[in-house]
PDB file of N, CA and C in Angstrom:
ATOM      1  N   MET A   1      91.292  92.091 100.565  1.00  0.00           N
ATOM      2  CA  MET A   1      92.594  92.192  99.916  1.00  0.00           C
ATOM      3  C   MET A   1      93.538  92.964 100.829  1.00  0.00           C
ATOM      4  N   ASN A   2      94.797  92.621 100.761  1.00  0.00           N
ATOM      5  CA  ASN A   2      95.807  93.171 101.647  1.00  0.00           C
ATOM      6  C   ASN A   2      96.551  94.331 100.974  1.00  0.00           C
ATOM      7  N   PHE A   3      96.680  95.464 101.707  1.00  0.00           N
ATOM      8  CA  PHE A   3      97.399  96.641 101.222  1.00  0.00           C
ATOM      9  C   PHE A   3      98.331  97.130 102.340  1.00  0.00           C
ATOM     10  N   PRO A   4      99.496  96.478 102.540  1.00  0.00           N
ATOM     11  CA  PRO A   4     100.372  96.885 103.642  1.00  0.00           C
ATOM     12  C   PRO A   4     100.734  98.371 103.573  1.00  0.00           C
ATOM     13  N   ALA A   5     100.518  99.062 104.685  1.00  0.00           N
ATOM     14  CA  ALA A   5     100.715 100.512 104.739  1.00  0.00           C
ATOM     15  C   ALA A   5     102.180 100.928 104.609  1.00  0.00           C
ATOM     16  N   GLU A   6     103.113 100.026 104.959  1.00  0.00           N
ATOM     17  CA  GLU A   6     104.527 100.390 104.912  1.00  0.00           C
ATOM     18  C   GLU A   6     105.099 100.349 103.491  1.00  0.00           C
ATOM     19  N   LEU A   7     104.325  99.865 102.538  1.00  0.00           N
ATOM     20  CA  LEU A   7     104.780  99.777 101.152  1.00  0.00           C
ATOM     21  C   LEU A   7     104.287 100.976 100.346  1.00  0.00           C
ATOM     22  N   LYS A   8     104.943 101.210  99.216  1.00  0.00           N
ATOM     23  CA  LYS A   8     104.469 102.164  98.210  1.00  0.00           C
ATOM     24  C   LYS A   8     104.088 101.347  96.987  1.00  0.00           C
ATOM     25  N   TYR A   9     103.236 101.904  96.134  1.00  0.00           N
ATOM     26  CA  TYR A   9     102.653 101.160  95.021  1.00  0.00           C
ATOM     27  C   TYR A   9     102.718 101.965  93.731  1.00  0.00           C
ATOM     28  N   THR A  10     102.602 101.249  92.603  1.00  0.00           N
ATOM     29  CA  THR A  10     102.541 101.911  91.300  1.00  0.00           C
ATOM     30  C   THR A  10     101.214 101.580  90.624  1.00  0.00           C
ATOM     31  N   GLU A  11     100.868 102.364  89.633  1.00  0.00           N
ATOM     32  CA  GLU A  11      99.664 102.078  88.850  1.00  0.00           C
ATOM     33  C   GLU A  11      99.854 100.860  87.956  1.00  0.00           C
ATOM     34  N   ASP A  12     101.085 100.360  87.846  1.00  0.00           N
ATOM     35  CA  ASP A  12     101.364  99.126  87.102  1.00  0.00           C
ATOM     36  C   ASP A  12     101.290  97.902  88.010  1.00  0.00           C
ATOM     37  N   HIS A  13     100.921  98.123  89.282  1.00  0.00           N
ATOM     38  CA  HIS A  13     100.677  97.053  90.266  1.00  0.00           C
ATOM     39  C   HIS A  13     101.939  96.416  90.832  1.00  0.00           C
ATOM     40  N   GLU A  14     103.024  97.187  90.870  1.00  0.00           N
ATOM     41  CA  GLU A  14     104.196  96.754  91.613  1.00  0.00           C
ATOM     42  C   GLU A  14     104.162  97.421  92.990  1.00  0.00           C
ATOM     43  N   TRP A  15     104.800  96.766  93.962  1.00  0.00           N
ATOM     44  CA  TRP A  15     104.994  97.378  95.274  1.00  0.00           C
ATOM     45  C   TRP A  15     106.486  97.530  95.512  1.00  0.00           C
ATOM     46  N   ILE A  16     106.835  98.445  96.420  1.00  0.00           N
ATOM     47  CA  ILE A  16     108.233  98.650  96.784  1.00  0.00           C
ATOM     48  C   ILE A  16     108.315  98.884  98.293  1.00  0.00           C
ATOM     49  N   ARG A  17     109.268  98.207  98.918  1.00  0.00           N
ATOM     50  CA  ARG A  17     109.550  98.402 100.340  1.00  0.00           C
ATOM     51  C   ARG A  17     110.951  98.985 100.438  1.00  0.00           C
ATOM     52  N   ILE A  18     111.026 100.265 100.807  1.00  0.00           N
ATOM     53  CA  ILE A  18     112.297 100.982 100.872  1.00  0.00           C
ATOM     54  C   ILE A  18     112.917 100.793 102.246  1.00  0.00           C
ATOM     55  N   GLU A  19     114.180 100.355 102.251  1.00  0.00           N
ATOM     56  CA  GLU A  19     114.938 100.143 103.486  1.00  0.00           C
ATOM     57  C   GLU A  19     116.278 100.860 103.344  1.00  0.00           C
ATOM     58  N   GLY A  20     116.300 102.136 103.713  1.00  0.00           N
ATOM     59  CA  GLY A  20     117.520 102.940 103.578  1.00  0.00           C
ATOM     60  C   GLY A  20     117.830 103.191 102.117  1.00  0.00           C
ATOM     61  N   ASP A  21     119.008 102.723 101.674  1.00  0.00           N
ATOM     62  CA  ASP A  21     119.398 102.939 100.276  1.00  0.00           C
ATOM     63  C   ASP A  21     119.165 101.700  99.421  1.00  0.00           C
ATOM     64  N   GLN A  22     118.358 100.775  99.940  1.00  0.00           N
ATOM     65  CA  GLN A  22     117.981  99.590  99.174  1.00  0.00           C
ATOM     66  C   GLN A  22     116.471  99.415  99.226  1.00  0.00           C
ATOM     67  N   ALA A  23     115.955  98.624  98.305  1.00  0.00           N
ATOM     68  CA  ALA A  23     114.512  98.394  98.278  1.00  0.00           C
ATOM     69  C   ALA A  23     114.215  97.029  97.689  1.00  0.00           C
ATOM     70  N   PHE A  24     113.108  96.451  98.155  1.00  0.00           N
ATOM     71  CA  PHE A  24     112.590  95.198  97.619  1.00  0.00           C
ATOM     72  C   PHE A  24     111.365  95.527  96.780  1.00  0.00           C
ATOM     73  N   ILE A  25     111.183  94.784  95.676  1.00  0.00           N
ATOM     74  CA  ILE A  25     110.094  95.042  94.736  1.00  0.00           C
ATOM     75  C   ILE A  25     109.407  93.734  94.383  1.00  0.00           C
ATOM     76  N   GLY A  26     108.096  93.800  94.230  1.00  0.00           N
ATOM     77  CA  GLY A  26     107.314  92.654  93.795  1.00  0.00           C
ATOM     78  C   GLY A  26     106.022  93.144  93.168  1.00  0.00           C
ATOM     79  N   ILE A  27     105.097  92.226  92.924  1.00  0.00           N
ATOM     80  CA  ILE A  27     103.794  92.632  92.413  1.00  0.00           C
ATOM     81  C   ILE A  27     102.760  92.520  93.528  1.00  0.00           C
ATOM     82  N   THR A  28     101.718  93.289  93.408  1.00  0.00           N
ATOM     83  CA  THR A  28     100.710  93.369  94.461  1.00  0.00           C
ATOM     84  C   THR A  28      99.802  92.140  94.490  1.00  0.00           C
ATOM     85  N   GLU A  29      99.118  92.005  95.612  1.00  0.00           N
ATOM     86  CA  GLU A  29      98.143  90.925  95.744  1.00  0.00           C
ATOM     87  C   GLU A  29      97.077  91.047  94.652  1.00  0.00           C
ATOM     88  N   HIS A  30      96.663  92.282  94.368  1.00  0.00           N
ATOM     89  CA  HIS A  30      95.681  92.519  93.305  1.00  0.00           C
ATOM     90  C   HIS A  30      96.212  91.989  91.969  1.00  0.00           C
ATOM     91  N   ALA A  31      97.460  92.306  91.651  1.00  0.00           N
ATOM     92  CA  ALA A  31      98.053  91.881  90.373  1.00  0.00           C
ATOM     93  C   ALA A  31      98.120  90.365  90.268  1.00  0.00           C
ATOM     94  N   GLN A  32      98.573  89.693  91.322  1.00  0.00           N
ATOM     95  CA  GLN A  32      98.709  88.237  91.229  1.00  0.00           C
ATOM     96  C   GLN A  32      97.343  87.575  91.106  1.00  0.00           C
ATOM     97  N   LYS A  33      96.306  88.162  91.728  1.00  0.00           N
ATOM     98  CA  LYS A  33      94.958  87.599  91.582  1.00  0.00           C
ATOM     99  C   LYS A  33      94.451  87.773  90.157  1.00  0.00           C
ATOM    100  N   GLU A  34      94.740  88.925  89.562  1.00  0.00           N
ATOM    101  CA  GLU A  34      94.324  89.178  88.174  1.00  0.00           C
ATOM    102  C   GLU A  34      95.045  88.244  87.201  1.00  0.00           C
ATOM    103  N   LEU A  35      96.321  87.976  87.452  1.00  0.00           N
ATOM    104  CA  LEU A  35      97.104  87.114  86.565  1.00  0.00           C
ATOM    105  C   LEU A  35      96.725  85.640  86.707  1.00  0.00           C
ATOM    106  N   GLY A  36      96.394  85.220  87.903  1.00  0.00           N
ATOM    107  CA  GLY A  36      96.124  83.805  88.152  1.00  0.00           C
ATOM    108  C   GLY A  36      97.394  83.098  88.592  1.00  0.00           C
ATOM    109  N   ASP A  37      97.422  81.791  88.417  1.00  0.00           N
ATOM    110  CA  ASP A  37      98.553  80.990  88.900  1.00  0.00           C
ATOM    111  C   ASP A  37      99.843  81.352  88.165  1.00  0.00           C
ATOM    112  N   ILE A  38     100.836  81.831  88.917  1.00  0.00           N
ATOM    113  CA  ILE A  38     102.138  82.196  88.359  1.00  0.00           C
ATOM    114  C   ILE A  38     102.942  80.917  88.147  1.00  0.00           C
ATOM    115  N   VAL A  39     103.446  80.737  86.923  1.00  0.00           N
ATOM    116  CA  VAL A  39     104.208  79.524  86.611  1.00  0.00           C
ATOM    117  C   VAL A  39     105.688  79.799  86.334  1.00  0.00           C
ATOM    118  N   TYR A  40     106.051  81.071  86.093  1.00  0.00           N
ATOM    119  CA  TYR A  40     107.443  81.378  85.774  1.00  0.00           C
ATOM    120  C   TYR A  40     107.692  82.865  85.977  1.00  0.00           C
ATOM    121  N   VAL A  41     108.839  83.189  86.570  1.00  0.00           N
ATOM    122  CA  VAL A  41     109.277  84.565  86.720  1.00  0.00           C
ATOM    123  C   VAL A  41     110.603  84.695  85.990  1.00  0.00           C
ATOM    124  N   ASP A  42     110.667  85.610  85.022  1.00  0.00           N
ATOM    125  CA  ASP A  42     111.858  85.781  84.178  1.00  0.00           C
ATOM    126  C   ASP A  42     112.477  87.146  84.450  1.00  0.00           C
ATOM    127  N   ILE A  43     113.595  87.135  85.164  1.00  0.00           N
ATOM    128  CA  ILE A  43     114.297  88.383  85.470  1.00  0.00           C
ATOM    129  C   ILE A  43     115.780  88.155  85.205  1.00  0.00           C
ATOM    130  N   ASN A  44     116.333  88.913  84.270  1.00  0.00           N
ATOM    131  CA  ASN A  44     117.762  88.773  83.965  1.00  0.00           C
ATOM    132  C   ASN A  44     118.432  90.145  83.908  1.00  0.00           C
ATOM    133  N   THR A  45     118.068  91.009  84.860  1.00  0.00           N
ATOM    134  CA  THR A  45     118.588  92.371  84.873  1.00  0.00           C
ATOM    135  C   THR A  45     119.538  92.639  86.044  1.00  0.00           C
ATOM    136  N   VAL A  46     120.030  91.591  86.717  1.00  0.00           N
ATOM    137  CA  VAL A  46     120.955  91.802  87.834  1.00  0.00           C
ATOM    138  C   VAL A  46     122.181  92.562  87.321  1.00  0.00           C
ATOM    139  N   GLY A  47     122.534  93.620  88.043  1.00  0.00           N
ATOM    140  CA  GLY A  47     123.670  94.456  87.658  1.00  0.00           C
ATOM    141  C   GLY A  47     123.287  95.629  86.780  1.00  0.00           C
ATOM    142  N   ASP A  48     122.064  95.640  86.268  1.00  0.00           N
ATOM    143  CA  ASP A  48     121.628  96.720  85.383  1.00  0.00           C
ATOM    144  C   ASP A  48     121.156  97.934  86.179  1.00  0.00           C
ATOM    145  N   GLN A  49     121.505  99.113  85.691  1.00  0.00           N
ATOM    146  CA  GLN A  49     120.984 100.371  86.232  1.00  0.00           C
ATOM    147  C   GLN A  49     119.760 100.717  85.388  1.00  0.00           C
ATOM    148  N   LEU A  50     118.589 100.792  86.016  1.00  0.00           N
ATOM    149  CA  LEU A  50     117.344 101.025  85.293  1.00  0.00           C
ATOM    150  C   LEU A  50     116.703 102.342  85.712  1.00  0.00           C
ATOM    151  N   GLU A  51     116.064 102.980  84.770  1.00  0.00           N
ATOM    152  CA  GLU A  51     115.311 104.204  85.042  1.00  0.00           C
ATOM    153  C   GLU A  51     113.905 103.837  85.491  1.00  0.00           C
ATOM    154  N   GLN A  52     113.276 104.703  86.265  1.00  0.00           N
ATOM    155  CA  GLN A  52     111.910 104.478  86.718  1.00  0.00           C
ATOM    156  C   GLN A  52     111.012 104.164  85.521  1.00  0.00           C
ATOM    157  N   GLY A  53     110.223 103.092  85.639  1.00  0.00           N
ATOM    158  CA  GLY A  53     109.291 102.705  84.586  1.00  0.00           C
ATOM    159  C   GLY A  53     109.846 101.731  83.564  1.00  0.00           C
ATOM    160  N   GLU A  54     111.150 101.457  83.604  1.00  0.00           N
ATOM    161  CA  GLU A  54     111.725 100.490  82.672  1.00  0.00           C
ATOM    162  C   GLU A  54     111.346  99.067  83.084  1.00  0.00           C
ATOM    163  N   ILE A  55     111.353  98.161  82.119  1.00  0.00           N
ATOM    164  CA  ILE A  55     111.025  96.761  82.377  1.00  0.00           C
ATOM    165  C   ILE A  55     112.218  96.081  83.046  1.00  0.00           C
ATOM    166  N   PHE A  56     111.954  95.411  84.182  1.00  0.00           N
ATOM    167  CA  PHE A  56     113.036  94.668  84.845  1.00  0.00           C
ATOM    168  C   PHE A  56     112.873  93.165  84.688  1.00  0.00           C
ATOM    169  N   GLY A  57     111.779  92.716  84.092  1.00  0.00           N
ATOM    170  CA  GLY A  57     111.546  91.293  83.886  1.00  0.00           C
ATOM    171  C   GLY A  57     110.117  91.052  83.469  1.00  0.00           C
ATOM    172  N   SER A  58     109.706  89.790  83.547  1.00  0.00           N
ATOM    173  CA  SER A  58     108.323  89.442  83.217  1.00  0.00           C
ATOM    174  C   SER A  58     107.879  88.293  84.110  1.00  0.00           C
ATOM    175  N   VAL A  59     106.566  88.177  84.204  1.00  0.00           N
ATOM    176  CA  VAL A  59     105.964  87.105  84.983  1.00  0.00           C
ATOM    177  C   VAL A  59     104.991  86.379  84.071  1.00  0.00           C
ATOM    178  N   GLU A  60     105.053  85.052  84.125  1.00  0.00           N
ATOM    179  CA  GLU A  60     104.196  84.234  83.261  1.00  0.00           C
ATOM    180  C   GLU A  60     103.181  83.501  84.121  1.00  0.00           C
ATOM    181  N   ALA A  61     101.920  83.676  83.753  1.00  0.00           N
ATOM    182  CA  ALA A  61     100.836  82.946  84.396  1.00  0.00           C
ATOM    183  C   ALA A  61     100.337  81.906  83.405  1.00  0.00           C
ATOM    184  N   VAL A  62      99.367  81.121  83.812  1.00  0.00           N
ATOM    185  CA  VAL A  62      98.876  80.044  82.964  1.00  0.00           C
ATOM    186  C   VAL A  62      98.423  80.563  81.605  1.00  0.00           C
ATOM    187  N   LYS A  63      97.753  81.727  81.573  1.00  0.00           N
ATOM    188  CA  LYS A  63      97.174  82.207  80.318  1.00  0.00           C
ATOM    189  C   LYS A  63      97.794  83.483  79.769  1.00  0.00           C
ATOM    190  N   THR A  64      98.789  84.067  80.440  1.00  0.00           N
ATOM    191  CA  THR A  64      99.315  85.349  79.983  1.00  0.00           C
ATOM    192  C   THR A  64     100.741  85.576  80.472  1.00  0.00           C
ATOM    193  N   VAL A  65     101.425  86.508  79.828  1.00  0.00           N
ATOM    194  CA  VAL A  65     102.736  86.979  80.262  1.00  0.00           C
ATOM    195  C   VAL A  65     102.612  88.478  80.478  1.00  0.00           C
ATOM    196  N   SER A  66     103.179  88.976  81.569  1.00  0.00           N
ATOM    197  CA  SER A  66     103.083  90.393  81.887  1.00  0.00           C
ATOM    198  C   SER A  66     104.462  90.952  82.203  1.00  0.00           C
ATOM    199  N   ASP A  67     104.769  92.135  81.662  1.00  0.00           N
ATOM    200  CA  ASP A  67     106.036  92.797  81.963  1.00  0.00           C
ATOM    201  C   ASP A  67     106.010  93.343  83.378  1.00  0.00           C
ATOM    202  N   LEU A  68     107.198  93.468  83.961  1.00  0.00           N
ATOM    203  CA  LEU A  68     107.372  94.027  85.301  1.00  0.00           C
ATOM    204  C   LEU A  68     108.134  95.343  85.165  1.00  0.00           C
ATOM    205  N   PHE A  69     107.609  96.399  85.777  1.00  0.00           N
ATOM    206  CA  PHE A  69     108.187  97.733  85.638  1.00  0.00           C
ATOM    207  C   PHE A  69     108.785  98.192  86.963  1.00  0.00           C
ATOM    208  N   ILE A  70     110.015  98.690  86.903  1.00  0.00           N
ATOM    209  CA  ILE A  70     110.686  99.135  88.126  1.00  0.00           C
ATOM    210  C   ILE A  70     110.056 100.455  88.599  1.00  0.00           C
ATOM    211  N   PRO A  71     109.646 100.521  89.871  1.00  0.00           N
ATOM    212  CA  PRO A  71     108.940 101.707  90.358  1.00  0.00           C
ATOM    213  C   PRO A  71     109.816 102.931  90.575  1.00  0.00           C
ATOM    214  N   VAL A  72     111.118 102.731  90.765  1.00  0.00           N
ATOM    215  CA  VAL A  72     112.047 103.842  90.988  1.00  0.00           C
ATOM    216  C   VAL A  72     113.353 103.540  90.262  1.00  0.00           C
ATOM    217  N   LYS A  73     114.115 104.585  90.008  1.00  0.00           N
ATOM    218  CA  LYS A  73     115.427 104.418  89.401  1.00  0.00           C
ATOM    219  C   LYS A  73     116.331 103.662  90.366  1.00  0.00           C
ATOM    220  N   GLY A  74     117.064 102.681  89.852  1.00  0.00           N
ATOM    221  CA  GLY A  74     117.972 101.947  90.723  1.00  0.00           C
ATOM    222  C   GLY A  74     118.754 100.874  89.991  1.00  0.00           C
ATOM    223  N   LYS A  75     119.685 100.292  90.714  1.00  0.00           N
ATOM    224  CA  LYS A  75     120.512  99.206  90.185  1.00  0.00           C
ATOM    225  C   LYS A  75     120.015  97.903  90.780  1.00  0.00           C
ATOM    226  N   VAL A  76     119.760  96.924  89.917  1.00  0.00           N
ATOM    227  CA  VAL A  76     119.268  95.622  90.369  1.00  0.00           C
ATOM    228  C   VAL A  76     120.436  94.866  91.007  1.00  0.00           C
ATOM    229  N   LEU A  77     120.281  94.571  92.306  1.00  0.00           N
ATOM    230  CA  LEU A  77     121.333  93.889  93.065  1.00  0.00           C
ATOM    231  C   LEU A  77     121.129  92.390  93.134  1.00  0.00           C
ATOM    232  N   GLU A  78     119.871  91.975  93.195  1.00  0.00           N
ATOM    233  CA  GLU A  78     119.589  90.574  93.487  1.00  0.00           C
ATOM    234  C   GLU A  78     118.205  90.204  92.981  1.00  0.00           C
ATOM    235  N   VAL A  79     118.073  88.954  92.572  1.00  0.00           N
ATOM    236  CA  VAL A  79     116.781  88.375  92.209  1.00  0.00           C
ATOM    237  C   VAL A  79     116.442  87.332  93.255  1.00  0.00           C
ATOM    238  N   ASN A  80     115.195  87.223  93.609  1.00  0.00           N
ATOM    239  CA  ASN A  80     114.753  86.213  94.572  1.00  0.00           C
ATOM    240  C   ASN A  80     114.867  84.836  93.922  1.00  0.00           C
ATOM    241  N   GLU A  81     115.937  84.130  94.233  1.00  0.00           N
ATOM    242  CA  GLU A  81     116.205  82.831  93.606  1.00  0.00           C
ATOM    243  C   GLU A  81     115.184  81.775  93.985  1.00  0.00           C
ATOM    244  N   ALA A  82     114.469  81.964  95.089  1.00  0.00           N
ATOM    245  CA  ALA A  82     113.440  81.006  95.494  1.00  0.00           C
ATOM    246  C   ALA A  82     112.339  80.898  94.439  1.00  0.00           C
ATOM    247  N   LEU A  83     112.167  81.949  93.638  1.00  0.00           N
ATOM    248  CA  LEU A  83     111.114  81.942  92.625  1.00  0.00           C
ATOM    249  C   LEU A  83     111.435  81.013  91.461  1.00  0.00           C
ATOM    250  N   ASP A  84     112.712  80.659  91.276  1.00  0.00           N
ATOM    251  CA  ASP A  84     113.072  79.706  90.216  1.00  0.00           C
ATOM    252  C   ASP A  84     112.391  78.360  90.457  1.00  0.00           C
ATOM    253  N   ALA A  85     112.460  77.891  91.689  1.00  0.00           N
ATOM    254  CA  ALA A  85     111.883  76.594  92.027  1.00  0.00           C
ATOM    255  C   ALA A  85     110.418  76.688  92.443  1.00  0.00           C
ATOM    256  N   ALA A  86     110.005  77.874  92.906  1.00  0.00           N
ATOM    257  CA  ALA A  86     108.645  78.024  93.440  1.00  0.00           C
ATOM    258  C   ALA A  86     108.027  79.363  93.035  1.00  0.00           C
ATOM    259  N   PRO A  87     107.736  79.551  91.741  1.00  0.00           N
ATOM    260  CA  PRO A  87     107.145  80.829  91.312  1.00  0.00           C
ATOM    261  C   PRO A  87     105.795  81.106  91.965  1.00  0.00           C
ATOM    262  N   GLU A  88     105.145  80.046  92.469  1.00  0.00           N
ATOM    263  CA  GLU A  88     103.843  80.216  93.126  1.00  0.00           C
ATOM    264  C   GLU A  88     103.936  81.022  94.419  1.00  0.00           C
ATOM    265  N   LEU A  89     105.157  81.279  94.922  1.00  0.00           N
ATOM    266  CA  LEU A  89     105.314  82.152  96.089  1.00  0.00           C
ATOM    267  C   LEU A  89     104.752  83.541  95.815  1.00  0.00           C
ATOM    268  N   VAL A  90     104.774  83.963  94.543  1.00  0.00           N
ATOM    269  CA  VAL A  90     104.192  85.261  94.182  1.00  0.00           C
ATOM    270  C   VAL A  90     102.692  85.253  94.475  1.00  0.00           C
ATOM    271  N   ASN A  91     102.036  84.121  94.279  1.00  0.00           N
ATOM    272  CA  ASN A  91     100.610  84.004  94.578  1.00  0.00           C
ATOM    273  C   ASN A  91     100.350  83.867  96.075  1.00  0.00           C
ATOM    274  N   SER A  92     101.120  83.024  96.740  1.00  0.00           N
ATOM    275  CA  SER A  92     100.822  82.708  98.136  1.00  0.00           C
ATOM    276  C   SER A  92     101.305  83.766  99.119  1.00  0.00           C
ATOM    277  N   ASP A  93     102.361  84.514  98.776  1.00  0.00           N
ATOM    278  CA  ASP A  93     102.930  85.498  99.696  1.00  0.00           C
ATOM    279  C   ASP A  93     103.544  86.657  98.904  1.00  0.00           C
ATOM    280  N   PRO A  94     102.704  87.435  98.188  1.00  0.00           N
ATOM    281  CA  PRO A  94     103.241  88.456  97.285  1.00  0.00           C
ATOM    282  C   PRO A  94     104.068  89.534  97.967  1.00  0.00           C
ATOM    283  N   TYR A  95     103.795  89.829  99.254  1.00  0.00           N
ATOM    284  CA  TYR A  95     104.510  90.899  99.954  1.00  0.00           C
ATOM    285  C   TYR A  95     105.653  90.382 100.825  1.00  0.00           C
ATOM    286  N   GLY A  96     105.834  89.073 100.875  1.00  0.00           N
ATOM    287  CA  GLY A  96     106.879  88.483 101.703  1.00  0.00           C
ATOM    288  C   GLY A  96     107.819  87.642 100.869  1.00  0.00           C
ATOM    289  N   GLU A  97     107.664  86.316 100.956  1.00  0.00           N
ATOM    290  CA  GLU A  97     108.550  85.386 100.251  1.00  0.00           C
ATOM    291  C   GLU A  97     108.448  85.514  98.725  1.00  0.00           C
ATOM    292  N   GLY A  98     107.421  86.177  98.237  1.00  0.00           N
ATOM    293  CA  GLY A  98     107.236  86.339  96.792  1.00  0.00           C
ATOM    294  C   GLY A  98     107.847  87.604  96.212  1.00  0.00           C
ATOM    295  N   TRP A  99     108.718  88.278  96.981  1.00  0.00           N
ATOM    296  CA  TRP A  99     109.401  89.458  96.431  1.00  0.00           C
ATOM    297  C   TRP A  99     110.199  89.048  95.201  1.00  0.00           C
ATOM    298  N   MET A 100     110.471  89.995  94.309  1.00  0.00           N
ATOM    299  CA  MET A 100     111.128  89.650  93.044  1.00  0.00           C
ATOM    300  C   MET A 100     112.565  90.133  92.934  1.00  0.00           C
ATOM    301  N   ILE A 101     112.794  91.429  93.205  1.00  0.00           N
ATOM    302  CA  ILE A 101     114.159  91.947  93.099  1.00  0.00           C
ATOM    303  C   ILE A 101     114.489  92.850  94.275  1.00  0.00           C
ATOM    304  N   LYS A 102     115.795  92.958  94.521  1.00  0.00           N
ATOM    305  CA  LYS A 102     116.338  93.903  95.488  1.00  0.00           C
ATOM    306  C   LYS A 102     117.196  94.875  94.693  1.00  0.00           C
ATOM    307  N   ILE A 103     117.031  96.174  94.958  1.00  0.00           N
ATOM    308  CA  ILE A 103     117.764  97.186  94.203  1.00  0.00           C
ATOM    309  C   ILE A 103     118.453  98.169  95.147  1.00  0.00           C
ATOM    310  N   SER A 104     119.439  98.877  94.615  1.00  0.00           N
ATOM    311  CA  SER A 104     120.017 100.010  95.341  1.00  0.00           C
ATOM    312  C   SER A 104     119.389 101.265  94.764  1.00  0.00           C
ATOM    313  N   ILE A 105     119.110 102.216  95.639  1.00  0.00           N
ATOM    314  CA  ILE A 105     118.408 103.427  95.215  1.00  0.00           C
ATOM    315  C   ILE A 105     119.032 104.658  95.862  1.00  0.00           C
ATOM    316  N   ASP A 106     118.655 105.819  95.339  1.00  0.00           N
ATOM    317  CA  ASP A 106     118.922 107.084  95.991  1.00  0.00           C
ATOM    318  C   ASP A 106     117.686 107.360  96.842  1.00  0.00           C
ATOM    319  N   ALA A 107     117.765 107.076  98.123  1.00  0.00           N
ATOM    320  CA  ALA A 107     116.604 107.142  99.006  1.00  0.00           C
ATOM    321  C   ALA A 107     115.964 108.529  99.054  1.00  0.00           C
ATOM    322  N   ALA A 108     116.704 109.572  98.731  1.00  0.00           N
ATOM    323  CA  ALA A 108     116.186 110.935  98.827  1.00  0.00           C
ATOM    324  C   ALA A 108     114.961 111.163  97.947  1.00  0.00           C
ATOM    325  N   ASP A 109     114.982 110.612  96.729  1.00  0.00           N
ATOM    326  CA  ASP A 109     113.851 110.842  95.828  1.00  0.00           C
ATOM    327  C   ASP A 109     113.132 109.546  95.465  1.00  0.00           C
ATOM    328  N   ALA A 110     113.310 108.525  96.273  1.00  0.00           N
ATOM    329  CA  ALA A 110     112.812 107.198  95.928  1.00  0.00           C
ATOM    330  C   ALA A 110     111.290 107.122  95.826  1.00  0.00           C
ATOM    331  N   ALA A 111     110.559 107.793  96.683  1.00  0.00           N
ATOM    332  CA  ALA A 111     109.109 107.631  96.725  1.00  0.00           C
ATOM    333  C   ALA A 111     108.353 108.599  95.814  1.00  0.00           C
ATOM    334  N   THR A 112     109.050 109.402  95.046  1.00  0.00           N
ATOM    335  CA  THR A 112     108.404 110.371  94.171  1.00  0.00           C
ATOM    336  C   THR A 112     107.494 109.681  93.164  1.00  0.00           C
ATOM    337  N   GLY A 113     106.232 110.088  93.134  1.00  0.00           N
ATOM    338  CA  GLY A 113     105.286 109.558  92.160  1.00  0.00           C
ATOM    339  C   GLY A 113     104.663 108.221  92.528  1.00  0.00           C
ATOM    340  N   LEU A 114     104.967 107.681  93.700  1.00  0.00           N
ATOM    341  CA  LEU A 114     104.407 106.404  94.107  1.00  0.00           C
ATOM    342  C   LEU A 114     103.132 106.621  94.916  1.00  0.00           C
ATOM    343  N   LEU A 115     102.305 105.597  94.966  1.00  0.00           N
ATOM    344  CA  LEU A 115     101.027 105.676  95.663  1.00  0.00           C
ATOM    345  C   LEU A 115     101.151 105.114  97.083  1.00  0.00           C
ATOM    346  N   SER A 116     100.416 105.714  97.997  1.00  0.00           N
ATOM    347  CA  SER A 116     100.302 105.147  99.348  1.00  0.00           C
ATOM    348  C   SER A 116      99.363 103.948  99.275  1.00  0.00           C
ATOM    349  N   ALA A 117      99.278 103.189 100.360  1.00  0.00           N
ATOM    350  CA  ALA A 117      98.374 102.043 100.405  1.00  0.00           C
ATOM    351  C   ALA A 117      96.930 102.491 100.154  1.00  0.00           C
ATOM    352  N   ASP A 118      96.504 103.588 100.783  1.00  0.00           N
ATOM    353  CA  ASP A 118      95.136 104.083 100.594  1.00  0.00           C
ATOM    354  C   ASP A 118      94.889 104.540  99.154  1.00  0.00           C
ATOM    355  N   GLU A 119      95.870 105.215  98.564  1.00  0.00           N
ATOM    356  CA  GLU A 119      95.734 105.658  97.173  1.00  0.00           C
ATOM    357  C   GLU A 119      95.650 104.467  96.220  1.00  0.00           C
ATOM    358  N   TYR A 120      96.484 103.448  96.466  1.00  0.00           N
ATOM    359  CA  TYR A 120      96.460 102.265  95.611  1.00  0.00           C
ATOM    360  C   TYR A 120      95.136 101.506  95.772  1.00  0.00           C
ATOM    361  N   LYS A 121      94.676 101.381  97.000  1.00  0.00           N
ATOM    362  CA  LYS A 121      93.404 100.713  97.273  1.00  0.00           C
ATOM    363  C   LYS A 121      92.285 101.406  96.505  1.00  0.00           C
ATOM    364  N   HIS A 122      92.265 102.728  96.516  1.00  0.00           N
ATOM    365  CA  HIS A 122      91.273 103.495  95.760  1.00  0.00           C
ATOM    366  C   HIS A 122      91.459 103.274  94.255  1.00  0.00           C
ATOM    367  N   PHE A 123      92.721 103.249  93.808  1.00  0.00           N
ATOM    368  CA  PHE A 123      93.028 103.066  92.383  1.00  0.00           C
ATOM    369  C   PHE A 123      92.465 101.762  91.839  1.00  0.00           C
ATOM    370  N   VAL A 124      92.558 100.678  92.634  1.00  0.00           N
ATOM    371  CA  VAL A 124      92.071  99.376  92.164  1.00  0.00           C
ATOM    372  C   VAL A 124      90.598  99.146  92.502  1.00  0.00           C
ATOM    373  N   GLY A 125      90.003 100.131  93.170  1.00  0.00           N
ATOM    374  CA  GLY A 125      88.572 100.035  93.461  1.00  0.00           C
ATOM    375  C   GLY A 125      88.212  99.062  94.566  1.00  0.00           C
ATOM    376  N   ALA A 126      89.139  98.880  95.501  1.00  0.00           N
ATOM    377  CA  ALA A 126      88.878  97.939  96.609  1.00  0.00           C
ATOM    378  C   ALA A 126      88.271  98.656  97.806  1.00  0.00           C
TER     379      ALA A 126
END
């Protein structure tokens, strides 16, 4: 299983890639494997200012629906529109083309409470 070191992780199985005052968010390879084939991604929070841990959308797999939790406080700037036509990108490339949202953040406290790749790997027992 892949745990990119440049990302931070949550115990809810989201990842975040911080780039200055913006960040990309998606679900981890572990999460997409647990969910199975992703058939729909529902995110309608563009423009919303969300607190850490709030729901920013949901992901639907063949047998279940799972909420998506924002790992840090921020404003949702963009949704990955490619997921409308190809939600399976979350399965095939969870850390790349399968990203879900782009947010603006206060980079100073962005990583507070997040897990490193090694911590997340230990958390999921890999």
